[in-house]
Every structure is written in structure tokens, then in C-alpha cells.
Amino acid sequence: MAPDIEPKRRAAPYRVQTELVRGGLTRGPFDETSEALFLTSGYVYPDPADAEAAFKGELTRYQYSRYANPTVAMFEERLRLLEGAEACMATASGMAAVFAALMCQLKAGDRVVASRALFGSCHYIVAELLPRFGIESVLVDGTDPAAWRDALAVGAACVFIESPSNPTLEIIDMAAVAELAHGAGACFIVDNVFATPLLQRPLEFGADVVVYSATKHIDGQGRTLGGAVLGTREFVSGPLMTFLRHTGPSLSPFNAWVLVKSLETLGLRVERHCANAHALAAFLEGRDGVRRVLYPGLESHPQAALARAQMHDAGSIIAFEVEGGKDRAFRLLRALELIDIANNLGDAKSLVTHPATTTHQRLAPAARAELGITDGLIRISVGLEDVEDLKDDLARALTA
């Protein structure tokens, strides 16, 4: 976040698609059309007194690209406008964003309550890494209001959730959890990576902090890593900025430039992602050999009504379970000709993975079973191909 970036004055707020193209745009002395790429690690001072004043915080200017960079600042401002947040700070990856959002405000003796349905690396941070720092971690069934009430009855410093969750697409009632979290004195953090700010804005449901892996839909083309943390100006310019400046997980200017340009097409891509995913989920439901399909846009989803209330659309991720366990799942993956085996998601290309042996392989079998991550579960990130070709590919693989 660069506090010296002043947005261009506007007669009226822009709509979402316009913000995706023009939000945060600042032009250099050459009046370039495309956003400029400032590949620099540092900045020069006209006088040593200016450097002294900058480091004292008396002069607002660029000092070092680990702190702030003009290209990174454009990405932060554009994403801030989309999210409707007061402030945003970018990070080198989504996991850097998750870790920073938590650790910048936690200390030994604090308590964190999180939904148990988490991405594997998030689960590691909450369940294994935080306790090493003397921080108590409690995991609950995120869809059970009573579990939240019981866990938060004794207070907490932070509450952390994913909704929809990775990979089983659980939907959590954010407004209800926010009320309980705030009653317990906790900061409510939401990982919104599956939904993107176009499908869901957690701040509107009471979240205090929102985190993203920009590697996913925001880039959307498998090119760069990136992350972001959004919240109040006080939080971002206070504990978060201090933590990030001194620990160093900064976003590179080049990656920021790629992400700025990617945001221009995010609305178009997400619309197509969702349309394809709806069609493919309906196609998979009821197919021979498919035990269940998990997609928030299907009426068969356990939280379908809640998904409609919180999300503008159901997203690009589908999970489905095949009969026959790991052996059948692996045979299906090997038989695919179009869809690639890869653990990334939100890409223009459709990608498929086997969570039990990849993203969640660190979890004990009992923990995976508790989350519904069976050996037959497969996760598809639905891309931008013609959906009929995707159906054909899966139909061939299912019969194979």
C-alpha cells in the first residue's frame, strides 16, 4: 500500500467492470496508455534530509520496493476498489497473505478459532504452525452454528474461514459467524479465493479482513504468484504493514503488472467460468459411477440456499466423488485428454486434482474422512474451453 497514491478525482463512482479496467490507474510523465511497469528495487533522494524524513515517517514517498512500489500500488488500489475495502496490501503469494493476516496481530497466549474445512497449507498454519508460537488453535465444523457458539464462548483473538472451502465447497454463514466472532472480541478473517470479489464481498457480511491468492482467478492464466490482504485503513497501515515490511513477502513489480492487466478481463472470465461450471456440474450429477457432486449452484448442495444468499454466482470449482476410491479416481485422471492434472485453480485451462494425495495429503486419513475428502474425491477447476468438449472428455474418462 502506497499512501501517497491519490486516486483520480471522479464525478461519480464507477461500476464494477469499469473499475476492473481503470481502477487505480496512475500515469507517468509519458502519459502511457497501458499501466507502467516500475522494475526498480529502490528510489533516490534529492537530499539526505529527505531520506531521514522518509524513514521517520514525516515525508510520504517511495523508499524501497519491499515497502511500496508504483506498479504494486496500482494493483492494490484496483483490488481495493473492487472489494469495497478501505485499504489493501499485496503479498508475494496467497499463503503469504494468509500468514501475514494472522501473525501480524497474534501473540503467545492468544486463541484462534477456524473452520476445519481449509486448504491444506491453511490447515497447516492454523493447526500446526501457530501452536509452535504458543497460540491455541481450535477447529470447528464451519456449517454448525452451535460449534461456533461453543468455541467462541471463551473468547478468541482471530476467527478464520474459507467459504466456499477447498476442496469440498462448504458454505459458511458469514454474517452469523461475524456476530459471534465480534462478540468474542475476535478479528474475523475470510479467505475469499474461490468466490473472487465479483461473486462475494465478505466485508458486507461482517468480515474484518479478506485475503486472496491472486495466483488463482485474478491472474487466471497460470503465469504469476501473488496475494492480497484487505481491511480497514487502521489495520492495513498499522500491524499488517509493519509485519510485511519487516518480514519481506513483497509482491514483485512484474507480477503486480501482470495482475493489474489480468483484472481488466476478470469479469468476462469469471462469467464464463461460472457458466461452464454450472453446465458441467449438472452433467456430472447422476452419471454412472459418480457417487456425489458438490457444487454450490446445484440444489443438491447442502448449503445451496445460503450460497444463493451470499454469492452472486456459484463459482468455477466442482468436486465430485467416483465409486471405486483412489484406483478409479486415478484411472479417470489418466484417461482425460483435454483436462490437465494440476493442483492450481482459477485458470483459463480446466484443471483436475486428487485432493487426498495432493493438496490435503498431509492430513491424517481420519481428518480427511471428517472433511469428506475421500479417496474417490476429485476437484475440477473449470476453465474457459467449450463446455461440450469438457463434457466429452469427462464422459470418455468416466467410461474408461
Protein backbone atom coordinates (compact mmCIF):
# COMPACT_ATOMS: atom_id res chain seq x y z
CA MET A 1 0.00 0.00 0.00
CA ALA A 2 1.38 3.39 -1.00
CA PRO A 3 -0.30 6.21 0.96
CA ASP A 4 1.00 8.85 -1.46
CA ILE A 5 -1.10 7.48 -4.35
CA GLU A 6 -4.04 9.82 -4.86
CA PRO A 7 -6.87 8.33 -6.96
CA LYS A 8 -8.01 10.43 -9.89
CA ARG A 9 -10.99 12.58 -8.91
CA ARG A 10 -14.35 11.31 -10.16
CA ALA A 11 -17.71 12.88 -10.70
CA ALA A 12 -19.42 9.63 -9.59
CA PRO A 13 -18.42 6.09 -8.55
CA TYR A 14 -17.69 3.70 -11.39
CA ARG A 15 -19.41 0.37 -11.91
CA VAL A 16 -17.53 -2.89 -11.38
CA GLN A 17 -16.49 -3.56 -14.97
CA THR A 18 -15.10 -0.03 -15.29
CA GLU A 19 -13.14 -0.41 -12.04
CA LEU A 20 -11.66 -3.64 -13.41
CA VAL A 21 -10.25 -1.71 -16.36
CA ARG A 22 -9.44 1.69 -14.87
CA GLY A 23 -9.43 1.47 -11.07
CA GLY A 24 -6.23 2.78 -9.50
CA LEU A 25 -4.77 3.86 -12.83
CA THR A 26 -1.90 6.34 -12.45
CA ARG A 27 0.12 7.56 -15.42
CA GLY A 28 3.74 8.59 -15.51
CA PRO A 29 5.25 11.65 -17.20
CA PHE A 30 4.92 9.99 -20.62
CA ASP A 31 1.08 9.62 -20.41
CA GLU A 32 1.25 5.94 -21.34
CA THR A 33 -1.97 4.09 -22.21
CA SER A 34 -1.06 0.83 -20.50
CA GLU A 35 -0.15 0.81 -16.84
CA ALA A 36 3.58 1.38 -16.38
CA LEU A 37 5.91 -1.29 -15.05
CA PHE A 38 8.34 0.13 -12.49
CA LEU A 39 11.05 -2.54 -12.27
CA THR A 40 13.06 -0.91 -9.53
CA SER A 41 14.13 -2.04 -6.10
CA GLY A 42 14.88 1.43 -4.74
CA TYR A 43 14.39 5.18 -5.17
CA VAL A 44 16.82 8.11 -4.97
CA TYR A 45 16.56 11.15 -2.72
CA PRO A 46 17.46 14.74 -3.73
CA ASP A 47 18.90 15.36 -0.28
CA PRO A 48 19.87 13.27 2.79
CA ALA A 49 17.33 15.22 4.82
CA ASP A 50 14.58 13.80 2.57
CA ALA A 51 15.79 10.26 3.29
CA GLU A 52 15.82 10.99 7.02
CA ALA A 53 12.31 12.44 6.89
CA ALA A 54 11.02 9.49 4.86
CA PHE A 55 12.38 6.93 7.32
CA LYS A 56 10.95 8.92 10.23
CA GLY A 57 7.54 8.89 8.54
CA GLU A 58 7.50 12.66 8.21
CA LEU A 59 7.69 12.58 4.39
CA THR A 60 5.46 10.32 2.33
CA ARG A 61 7.33 8.97 -0.71
CA TYR A 62 8.63 5.75 -2.20
CA GLN A 63 11.61 4.43 -0.27
CA TYR A 64 12.13 0.78 -1.22
CA SER A 65 10.05 -1.66 -3.24
CA ARG A 66 9.80 -4.04 -0.30
CA TYR A 67 7.74 -1.25 1.29
CA ALA A 68 5.85 0.10 -1.73
CA ASN A 69 6.16 0.35 -5.50
CA PRO A 70 4.09 2.36 -8.03
CA THR A 71 3.03 -0.71 -10.04
CA VAL A 72 2.17 -2.70 -6.92
CA ALA A 73 0.23 0.31 -5.65
CA MET A 74 -1.93 0.29 -8.79
CA PHE A 75 -2.81 -3.36 -8.23
CA GLU A 76 -3.61 -2.72 -4.57
CA GLU A 77 -5.83 0.26 -5.37
CA ARG A 78 -7.73 -1.55 -8.13
CA LEU A 79 -8.41 -4.55 -5.91
CA ARG A 80 -9.36 -2.26 -3.01
CA LEU A 81 -12.00 -0.56 -5.14
CA LEU A 82 -13.43 -3.92 -6.24
CA GLU A 83 -13.62 -5.23 -2.69
CA GLY A 84 -15.03 -2.04 -1.23
CA ALA A 85 -12.31 -2.01 1.43
CA GLU A 86 -10.57 0.96 2.98
CA ALA A 87 -7.08 -0.36 2.24
CA CYS A 88 -5.18 -3.19 0.57
CA MET A 89 -1.65 -4.52 0.74
CA ALA A 90 -0.26 -7.02 -1.76
CA THR A 91 1.94 -10.02 -0.94
CA ALA A 92 4.15 -12.46 -2.82
CA SER A 93 1.57 -15.26 -2.68
CA GLY A 94 -1.79 -16.19 -1.25
CA MET A 95 -0.23 -18.13 1.61
CA ALA A 96 1.90 -15.10 2.49
CA ALA A 97 -1.36 -13.14 2.70
CA VAL A 98 -2.99 -15.72 5.00
CA PHE A 99 0.04 -15.97 7.29
CA ALA A 100 0.51 -12.19 7.48
CA ALA A 101 -3.18 -11.51 8.19
CA LEU A 102 -2.96 -13.82 11.19
CA MET A 103 0.54 -13.31 12.53
CA CYS A 104 0.56 -9.53 12.32
CA GLN A 105 -1.96 -9.45 15.17
CA LEU A 106 -1.30 -12.63 17.19
CA LYS A 107 0.99 -13.30 20.13
CA ALA A 108 1.70 -16.16 22.53
CA GLY A 109 -1.32 -16.92 24.67
CA ASP A 110 -3.86 -15.87 22.03
CA ARG A 111 -6.57 -18.17 20.72
CA VAL A 112 -7.66 -18.76 17.10
CA VAL A 113 -10.90 -20.47 16.06
CA ALA A 114 -11.15 -21.66 12.46
CA SER A 115 -13.41 -23.77 10.31
CA ARG A 116 -11.90 -27.22 9.87
CA ALA A 117 -12.56 -27.25 6.11
CA LEU A 118 -9.41 -25.47 4.94
CA PHE A 119 -6.88 -25.68 2.12
CA GLY A 120 -4.00 -27.95 3.16
CA SER A 121 -1.47 -25.15 3.69
CA CYS A 122 -4.00 -23.05 5.64
CA HIS A 123 -4.74 -26.07 7.82
CA TYR A 124 -1.01 -26.45 8.47
CA ILE A 125 -0.66 -22.80 9.55
CA VAL A 126 -3.65 -22.93 11.89
CA ALA A 127 -3.33 -26.43 13.30
CA GLU A 128 0.45 -26.94 13.38
CA LEU A 129 2.41 -23.71 12.95
CA LEU A 130 0.52 -21.29 15.21
CA PRO A 131 0.73 -23.62 18.25
CA ARG A 132 4.54 -23.51 17.95
CA PHE A 133 4.29 -19.81 18.83
CA GLY A 134 2.16 -20.52 21.87
CA ILE A 135 -1.13 -19.73 20.09
CA GLU A 136 -4.07 -22.02 20.79
CA SER A 137 -5.92 -23.27 17.70
CA VAL A 138 -9.44 -24.68 17.68
CA LEU A 139 -11.01 -26.21 14.56
CA VAL A 140 -14.80 -26.48 14.27
CA ASP A 141 -17.42 -27.63 11.81
CA GLY A 142 -17.94 -24.35 9.98
CA THR A 143 -21.50 -25.21 8.98
CA ASP A 144 -22.63 -25.86 12.58
CA PRO A 145 -23.76 -22.69 14.44
CA ALA A 146 -23.64 -24.48 17.80
CA ALA A 147 -19.99 -25.41 17.23
CA TRP A 148 -19.13 -21.74 16.65
CA ARG A 149 -21.06 -20.65 19.74
CA ASP A 150 -19.31 -23.20 21.94
CA ALA A 151 -15.83 -22.46 20.57
CA LEU A 152 -16.23 -18.68 20.88
CA ALA A 153 -17.87 -18.68 24.30
CA VAL A 154 -14.47 -18.20 25.96
CA GLY A 155 -13.21 -15.53 23.55
CA ALA A 156 -10.66 -15.50 20.71
CA ALA A 157 -8.21 -13.17 19.00
CA CYS A 158 -8.96 -14.28 15.44
CA VAL A 159 -11.55 -16.29 13.54
CA PHE A 160 -10.52 -17.68 10.15
CA ILE A 161 -12.66 -19.33 7.47
CA GLU A 162 -12.80 -20.25 3.79
CA SER A 163 -16.18 -20.00 2.08
CA PRO A 164 -16.56 -21.79 -0.27
CA SER A 165 -13.98 -24.15 1.22
CA ASN A 166 -11.26 -26.08 -0.57
CA PRO A 167 -12.00 -28.74 -1.83
CA THR A 168 -15.47 -29.74 -0.58
CA LEU A 169 -17.10 -26.34 -1.19
CA GLU A 170 -18.68 -25.86 2.22
CA ILE A 171 -20.56 -22.57 2.53
CA ILE A 172 -20.37 -20.80 5.89
CA ASP A 173 -22.92 -18.29 7.14
CA MET A 174 -20.57 -15.32 7.34
CA ALA A 175 -22.99 -12.90 8.98
CA ALA A 176 -23.72 -15.36 11.79
CA VAL A 177 -20.03 -16.13 12.36
CA ALA A 178 -19.16 -12.43 12.23
CA GLU A 179 -21.63 -11.66 15.01
CA LEU A 180 -20.22 -14.45 17.20
CA ALA A 181 -16.63 -13.50 16.40
CA HIS A 182 -17.13 -9.86 17.28
CA GLY A 183 -18.95 -10.85 20.46
CA ALA A 184 -15.86 -12.86 21.41
CA GLY A 185 -13.57 -9.91 20.66
CA ALA A 186 -12.09 -11.59 17.57
CA CYS A 187 -10.93 -10.25 14.22
CA PHE A 188 -12.91 -12.12 11.54
CA ILE A 189 -10.73 -13.13 8.55
CA VAL A 190 -12.20 -14.65 5.36
CA ASP A 191 -10.25 -16.36 2.59
CA ASN A 192 -12.39 -15.46 -0.42
CA VAL A 193 -10.25 -17.04 -3.13
CA PHE A 194 -12.90 -19.38 -4.62
CA ALA A 195 -15.51 -16.63 -4.96
CA THR A 196 -13.36 -13.63 -6.03
CA PRO A 197 -14.61 -10.11 -5.16
CA LEU A 198 -17.01 -10.35 -8.11
CA LEU A 199 -19.10 -13.19 -6.65
CA GLN A 200 -18.88 -12.40 -2.94
CA ARG A 201 -17.74 -9.47 -0.79
CA PRO A 202 -17.21 -10.74 2.78
CA LEU A 203 -16.90 -7.23 4.24
CA GLU A 204 -20.61 -6.78 3.51
CA PHE A 205 -21.34 -9.75 5.79
CA GLY A 206 -19.26 -8.53 8.70
CA ALA A 207 -15.74 -9.72 7.88
CA ASP A 208 -12.92 -7.51 9.14
CA VAL A 209 -10.18 -8.80 6.84
CA VAL A 210 -10.31 -10.50 3.42
CA VAL A 211 -7.40 -12.44 1.91
CA TYR A 212 -6.76 -13.62 -1.65
CA SER A 213 -4.42 -15.77 -3.59
CA ALA A 214 -4.16 -13.58 -6.70
CA THR A 215 -2.43 -16.56 -8.32
CA LYS A 216 -5.88 -18.03 -8.91
CA HIS A 217 -8.71 -16.26 -10.78
CA ILE A 218 -7.18 -12.78 -10.52
CA ASP A 219 -4.23 -13.83 -12.70
CA GLY A 220 -6.31 -16.63 -14.16
CA GLN A 221 -3.77 -17.73 -16.74
CA GLY A 222 -1.19 -19.67 -14.75
CA ARG A 223 1.60 -17.08 -15.03
CA THR A 224 2.36 -15.44 -11.70
CA LEU A 225 2.12 -15.79 -7.94
CA GLY A 226 0.54 -13.08 -5.83
CA GLY A 227 -1.68 -12.38 -2.84
CA ALA A 228 -3.50 -9.58 -1.09
CA VAL A 229 -4.89 -8.60 2.31
CA LEU A 230 -7.74 -6.09 2.56
CA GLY A 231 -9.32 -4.40 5.57
CA THR A 232 -9.58 -1.14 7.41
CA ARG A 233 -7.01 1.60 6.88
CA GLU A 234 -6.04 1.29 10.55
CA PHE A 235 -5.35 -2.46 10.25
CA VAL A 236 -3.53 -2.34 6.91
CA SER A 237 -1.35 0.70 7.60
CA GLY A 238 -0.73 -0.43 11.18
CA PRO A 239 0.01 -4.03 12.22
CA LEU A 240 -0.13 -5.51 8.70
CA MET A 241 2.23 -3.01 7.07
CA THR A 242 4.69 -3.29 9.95
CA PHE A 243 4.70 -7.08 9.71
CA LEU A 244 5.09 -7.18 5.93
CA ARG A 245 7.78 -4.51 5.75
CA HIS A 246 9.97 -6.30 8.25
CA THR A 247 9.38 -9.90 7.14
CA GLY A 248 9.62 -9.26 3.41
CA PRO A 249 6.94 -11.23 1.49
CA SER A 250 6.53 -8.37 -1.01
CA LEU A 251 4.91 -8.71 -4.42
CA SER A 252 7.31 -8.18 -7.30
CA PRO A 253 6.51 -5.21 -9.60
CA PHE A 254 6.42 -7.50 -12.63
CA ASN A 255 3.89 -9.84 -11.03
CA ALA A 256 1.85 -6.83 -9.93
CA TRP A 257 1.82 -5.52 -13.51
CA VAL A 258 0.58 -8.90 -14.79
CA LEU A 259 -2.15 -8.92 -12.13
CA VAL A 260 -3.23 -5.35 -12.93
CA LYS A 261 -3.65 -6.28 -16.58
CA SER A 262 -5.42 -9.53 -15.63
CA LEU A 263 -8.04 -7.66 -13.62
CA GLU A 264 -9.18 -5.99 -16.85
CA THR A 265 -10.67 -9.29 -18.04
CA LEU A 266 -11.64 -10.82 -14.67
CA GLY A 267 -15.35 -10.07 -15.07
CA LEU A 268 -15.53 -11.66 -18.51
CA ARG A 269 -13.57 -14.70 -17.39
CA VAL A 270 -15.50 -15.31 -14.17
CA GLU A 271 -18.81 -15.11 -16.04
CA ARG A 272 -17.65 -17.82 -18.46
CA HIS A 273 -16.10 -19.89 -15.65
CA CYS A 274 -19.41 -19.94 -13.80
CA ALA A 275 -21.49 -20.78 -16.87
CA ASN A 276 -19.20 -23.69 -17.75
CA ALA A 277 -19.12 -24.95 -14.16
CA HIS A 278 -22.92 -24.90 -13.86
CA ALA A 279 -23.26 -26.93 -17.05
CA LEU A 280 -20.53 -29.41 -16.11
CA ALA A 281 -21.85 -29.94 -12.57
CA ALA A 282 -25.33 -30.69 -13.91
CA PHE A 283 -23.78 -33.04 -16.47
CA LEU A 284 -21.87 -34.98 -13.79
CA GLU A 285 -24.79 -35.30 -11.41
CA GLY A 286 -26.45 -38.66 -11.87
CA ARG A 287 -23.74 -40.11 -14.15
CA ASP A 288 -22.94 -43.78 -13.70
CA GLY A 289 -20.02 -44.23 -11.35
CA VAL A 290 -20.40 -40.77 -9.78
CA ARG A 291 -21.42 -41.05 -6.13
CA ARG A 292 -21.96 -37.33 -5.44
CA VAL A 293 -21.34 -33.91 -6.95
CA LEU A 294 -20.52 -30.88 -4.78
CA TYR A 295 -21.25 -27.52 -6.41
CA PRO A 296 -22.98 -24.56 -4.71
CA GLY A 297 -25.09 -23.94 -7.80
CA LEU A 298 -26.82 -27.32 -7.58
CA GLU A 299 -29.93 -27.74 -5.44
CA SER A 300 -28.36 -30.93 -4.09
CA HIS A 301 -25.63 -28.91 -2.37
CA PRO A 302 -26.18 -28.94 1.43
CA GLN A 303 -25.93 -25.13 1.65
CA ALA A 304 -27.46 -24.20 -1.72
CA ALA A 305 -29.84 -21.63 -0.22
CA LEU A 306 -27.06 -19.97 1.77
CA ALA A 307 -24.86 -19.87 -1.33
CA ARG A 308 -27.59 -18.01 -3.21
CA ALA A 309 -27.92 -15.54 -0.33
CA GLN A 310 -24.19 -14.79 -0.09
CA MET A 311 -22.88 -15.26 -3.64
CA HIS A 312 -23.83 -13.69 -6.95
CA ASP A 313 -22.95 -16.95 -8.70
CA ALA A 314 -21.62 -20.36 -7.69
CA GLY A 315 -18.04 -20.15 -8.95
CA SER A 316 -15.73 -22.25 -11.08
CA ILE A 317 -14.85 -25.18 -8.78
CA ILE A 318 -16.61 -28.56 -8.72
CA ALA A 319 -15.84 -31.55 -6.52
CA PHE A 320 -17.21 -34.99 -7.30
CA GLU A 321 -16.69 -38.45 -5.86
CA VAL A 322 -16.35 -41.54 -8.01
CA GLU A 323 -17.08 -45.07 -6.90
CA GLY A 324 -14.04 -47.29 -6.54
CA GLY A 325 -11.81 -44.99 -4.47
CA LYS A 326 -8.29 -43.97 -5.39
CA ASP A 327 -7.84 -46.63 -8.08
CA ARG A 328 -10.93 -45.50 -10.01
CA ALA A 329 -10.08 -41.83 -9.48
CA PHE A 330 -6.55 -42.31 -10.84
CA ARG A 331 -7.84 -44.25 -13.84
CA LEU A 332 -10.24 -41.41 -14.59
CA LEU A 333 -7.46 -38.80 -14.34
CA ARG A 334 -5.18 -40.85 -16.61
CA ALA A 335 -7.97 -41.17 -19.20
CA LEU A 336 -8.53 -37.43 -19.53
CA GLU A 337 -7.25 -35.99 -22.81
CA LEU A 338 -8.28 -32.32 -22.56
CA ILE A 339 -8.40 -31.52 -18.84
CA ASP A 340 -4.92 -31.27 -17.28
CA ILE A 341 -3.84 -32.78 -13.98
CA ALA A 342 -2.62 -29.82 -11.88
CA ASN A 343 -3.18 -28.53 -8.36
CA ASN A 344 -3.72 -24.87 -9.31
CA LEU A 345 -7.20 -23.46 -9.89
CA GLY A 346 -8.98 -20.46 -11.39
CA ASP A 347 -7.08 -20.90 -14.65
CA ALA A 348 -8.29 -20.40 -18.22
CA LYS A 349 -7.47 -24.09 -18.72
CA SER A 350 -9.57 -26.69 -16.92
CA LEU A 351 -7.50 -28.42 -14.25
CA VAL A 352 -8.19 -31.50 -12.16
CA THR A 353 -6.57 -32.82 -8.99
CA HIS A 354 -6.98 -35.61 -6.44
CA PRO A 355 -7.05 -33.77 -3.07
CA ALA A 356 -6.37 -36.80 -0.87
CA THR A 357 -2.96 -37.30 -2.48
CA THR A 358 -2.06 -33.68 -3.29
CA THR A 359 -3.42 -30.57 -1.57
CA HIS A 360 -4.60 -32.44 1.55
CA GLN A 361 -2.20 -35.38 1.68
CA ARG A 362 -0.61 -34.03 4.90
CA LEU A 363 -3.84 -34.68 6.81
CA ALA A 364 -4.30 -37.99 8.57
CA PRO A 365 -6.84 -40.32 6.93
CA ALA A 366 -9.29 -39.77 9.80
CA ALA A 367 -9.05 -35.99 9.39
CA ARG A 368 -9.64 -36.27 5.64
CA ALA A 369 -12.64 -38.50 6.25
CA GLU A 370 -14.07 -35.99 8.70
CA LEU A 371 -13.84 -33.33 5.97
CA GLY A 372 -15.40 -35.58 3.32
CA ILE A 373 -12.13 -35.84 1.38
CA THR A 374 -12.44 -39.47 0.36
CA ASP A 375 -10.04 -41.40 -1.87
CA GLY A 376 -12.60 -41.10 -4.64
CA LEU A 377 -12.96 -37.31 -4.45
CA ILE A 378 -11.81 -35.27 -7.45
CA ARG A 379 -11.69 -31.46 -7.74
CA ILE A 380 -12.13 -29.73 -11.08
CA SER A 381 -11.30 -26.09 -11.71
CA VAL A 382 -13.48 -25.44 -14.74
CA GLY A 383 -11.80 -23.32 -17.40
CA LEU A 384 -12.83 -21.33 -20.44
CA GLU A 385 -12.92 -24.09 -23.05
CA ASP A 386 -16.10 -25.03 -24.90
CA VAL A 387 -18.13 -26.84 -22.25
CA GLU A 388 -19.23 -29.53 -24.72
CA ASP A 389 -15.59 -30.54 -25.17
CA LEU A 390 -15.22 -30.72 -21.39
CA LYS A 391 -18.30 -32.93 -21.16
CA ASP A 392 -16.96 -35.22 -23.87
CA ASP A 393 -13.61 -35.52 -22.11
CA LEU A 394 -15.20 -36.43 -18.77
CA ALA A 395 -17.68 -38.83 -20.38
CA ARG A 396 -14.80 -40.71 -22.03
CA ALA A 397 -12.81 -40.78 -18.81
CA LEU A 398 -15.75 -41.99 -16.71
CA THR A 399 -16.35 -44.94 -19.02
CA ALA A 400 -12.61 -45.71 -19.10
